[in-house]
Amino acid sequence: MDTVYEVQTRFIFDRWENCWTIDDKELETFNSIEEAQAEIDDAISTSPEGDATQSDYRIVETSKGGK
């Protein structure tokens, strides 16, 4: 299987989940760490000041077609 990356968001009690979606349906994955980081950077820059920081997100390597 091909390696892809997903962006996971931290929730309460240090639970992590991939909630990046395409049209609110399919979970989105990225072909490179750089693409995933660009999505994180965009989310941080467009959130209200102080609402999101780098520590709210992580990049996880996964396989295309499932975890």
C-alpha atoms as a PDB file:
ATOM      1  CA  MET A   1       0.000   0.000   0.000  1.00  0.00           C
ATOM      2  CA  ASP A   2       1.063   3.573  -0.605  1.00  0.00           C
ATOM      3  CA  THR A   3       2.082   5.711   2.336  1.00  0.00           C
ATOM      4  CA  VAL A   4       0.010   8.834   2.921  1.00  0.00           C
ATOM      5  CA  TYR A   5      -0.338  11.241   5.820  1.00  0.00           C
ATOM      6  CA  GLU A   6      -3.327  12.410   7.774  1.00  0.00           C
ATOM      7  CA  VAL A   7      -3.742  15.430   9.992  1.00  0.00           C
ATOM      8  CA  GLN A   8      -5.193  14.588  13.367  1.00  0.00           C
ATOM      9  CA  THR A   9      -6.781  17.076  15.741  1.00  0.00           C
ATOM     10  CA  ARG A  10      -6.400  16.857  19.503  1.00  0.00           C
ATOM     11  CA  PHE A  11      -9.591  16.622  21.531  1.00  0.00           C
ATOM     12  CA  ILE A  12     -10.249  16.551  25.244  1.00  0.00           C
ATOM     13  CA  PHE A  13      -8.297  13.980  27.298  1.00  0.00           C
ATOM     14  CA  ASP A  14      -5.583  13.850  24.598  1.00  0.00           C
ATOM     15  CA  ARG A  15      -7.752  11.913  22.171  1.00  0.00           C
ATOM     16  CA  TRP A  16      -6.642  12.375  18.548  1.00  0.00           C
ATOM     17  CA  GLU A  17      -8.826  12.046  15.466  1.00  0.00           C
ATOM     18  CA  ASN A  18      -8.584  12.732  11.757  1.00  0.00           C
ATOM     19  CA  CYS A  19     -11.386  15.192  11.048  1.00  0.00           C
ATOM     20  CA  TRP A  20     -10.058  16.615   7.793  1.00  0.00           C
ATOM     21  CA  THR A  21     -12.690  15.699   5.247  1.00  0.00           C
ATOM     22  CA  ILE A  22     -13.461  16.189   1.592  1.00  0.00           C
ATOM     23  CA  ASP A  23     -16.995  17.599   1.246  1.00  0.00           C
ATOM     24  CA  ASP A  24     -17.770  16.448   4.830  1.00  0.00           C
ATOM     25  CA  LYS A  25     -17.751  12.810   3.660  1.00  0.00           C
ATOM     26  CA  GLU A  26     -14.432  11.181   2.839  1.00  0.00           C
ATOM     27  CA  LEU A  27     -11.465  11.536   5.209  1.00  0.00           C
ATOM     28  CA  GLU A  28      -8.690  13.466   3.522  1.00  0.00           C
ATOM     29  CA  THR A  29      -5.113  12.246   3.364  1.00  0.00           C
ATOM     30  CA  PHE A  30      -2.033  13.978   1.989  1.00  0.00           C
ATOM     31  CA  ASN A  31       0.771  12.704  -0.234  1.00  0.00           C
ATOM     32  CA  SER A  32       3.520  14.375   1.768  1.00  0.00           C
ATOM     33  CA  ILE A  33       4.281  15.757   5.196  1.00  0.00           C
ATOM     34  CA  GLU A  34       4.689  19.173   3.556  1.00  0.00           C
ATOM     35  CA  GLU A  35       1.127  19.089   2.157  1.00  0.00           C
ATOM     36  CA  ALA A  36      -0.233  18.072   5.555  1.00  0.00           C
ATOM     37  CA  GLN A  37       1.735  20.817   7.305  1.00  0.00           C
ATOM     38  CA  ALA A  38       0.437  23.398   4.818  1.00  0.00           C
ATOM     39  CA  GLU A  39      -3.131  22.424   5.793  1.00  0.00           C
ATOM     40  CA  ILE A  40      -2.275  22.827   9.475  1.00  0.00           C
ATOM     41  CA  ASP A  41      -0.658  26.208   8.812  1.00  0.00           C
ATOM     42  CA  ASP A  42      -3.764  27.341   6.931  1.00  0.00           C
ATOM     43  CA  ALA A  43      -6.077  26.190   9.736  1.00  0.00           C
ATOM     44  CA  ILE A  44      -4.014  28.053  12.327  1.00  0.00           C
ATOM     45  CA  SER A  45      -3.768  31.237  10.264  1.00  0.00           C
ATOM     46  CA  THR A  46      -7.521  31.379   9.611  1.00  0.00           C
ATOM     47  CA  SER A  47      -8.672  30.582  13.146  1.00  0.00           C
ATOM     48  CA  PRO A  48      -9.534  33.352  15.576  1.00  0.00           C
ATOM     49  CA  GLU A  49      -6.421  34.499  17.416  1.00  0.00           C
ATOM     50  CA  GLY A  50      -5.338  31.951  19.985  1.00  0.00           C
ATOM     51  CA  ASP A  51      -8.018  29.374  19.092  1.00  0.00           C
ATOM     52  CA  ALA A  52      -5.671  26.942  17.341  1.00  0.00           C
ATOM     53  CA  THR A  53      -1.969  26.270  17.755  1.00  0.00           C
ATOM     54  CA  GLN A  54       0.479  23.786  16.285  1.00  0.00           C
ATOM     55  CA  SER A  55       0.105  21.591  19.397  1.00  0.00           C
ATOM     56  CA  ASP A  56      -3.578  21.048  18.497  1.00  0.00           C
ATOM     57  CA  TYR A  57      -2.571  19.044  15.416  1.00  0.00           C
ATOM     58  CA  ARG A  58      -0.262  16.218  14.474  1.00  0.00           C
ATOM     59  CA  ILE A  59       0.707  14.454  11.264  1.00  0.00           C
ATOM     60  CA  VAL A  60       0.459  10.675  11.211  1.00  0.00           C
ATOM     61  CA  GLU A  61       1.807   8.341   8.550  1.00  0.00           C
ATOM     62  CA  THR A  62      -0.783   5.834   7.401  1.00  0.00           C
ATOM     63  CA  SER A  63      -1.528   3.568   4.442  1.00  0.00           C
ATOM     64  CA  LYS A  64      -3.779   4.543   1.583  1.00  0.00           C
ATOM     65  CA  GLY A  65      -7.030   2.617   1.804  1.00  0.00           C
ATOM     66  CA  GLY A  66      -7.159   2.298   5.574  1.00  0.00           C
ATOM     67  CA  LYS A  67      -5.384   2.731   8.853  1.00  0.00           C
END
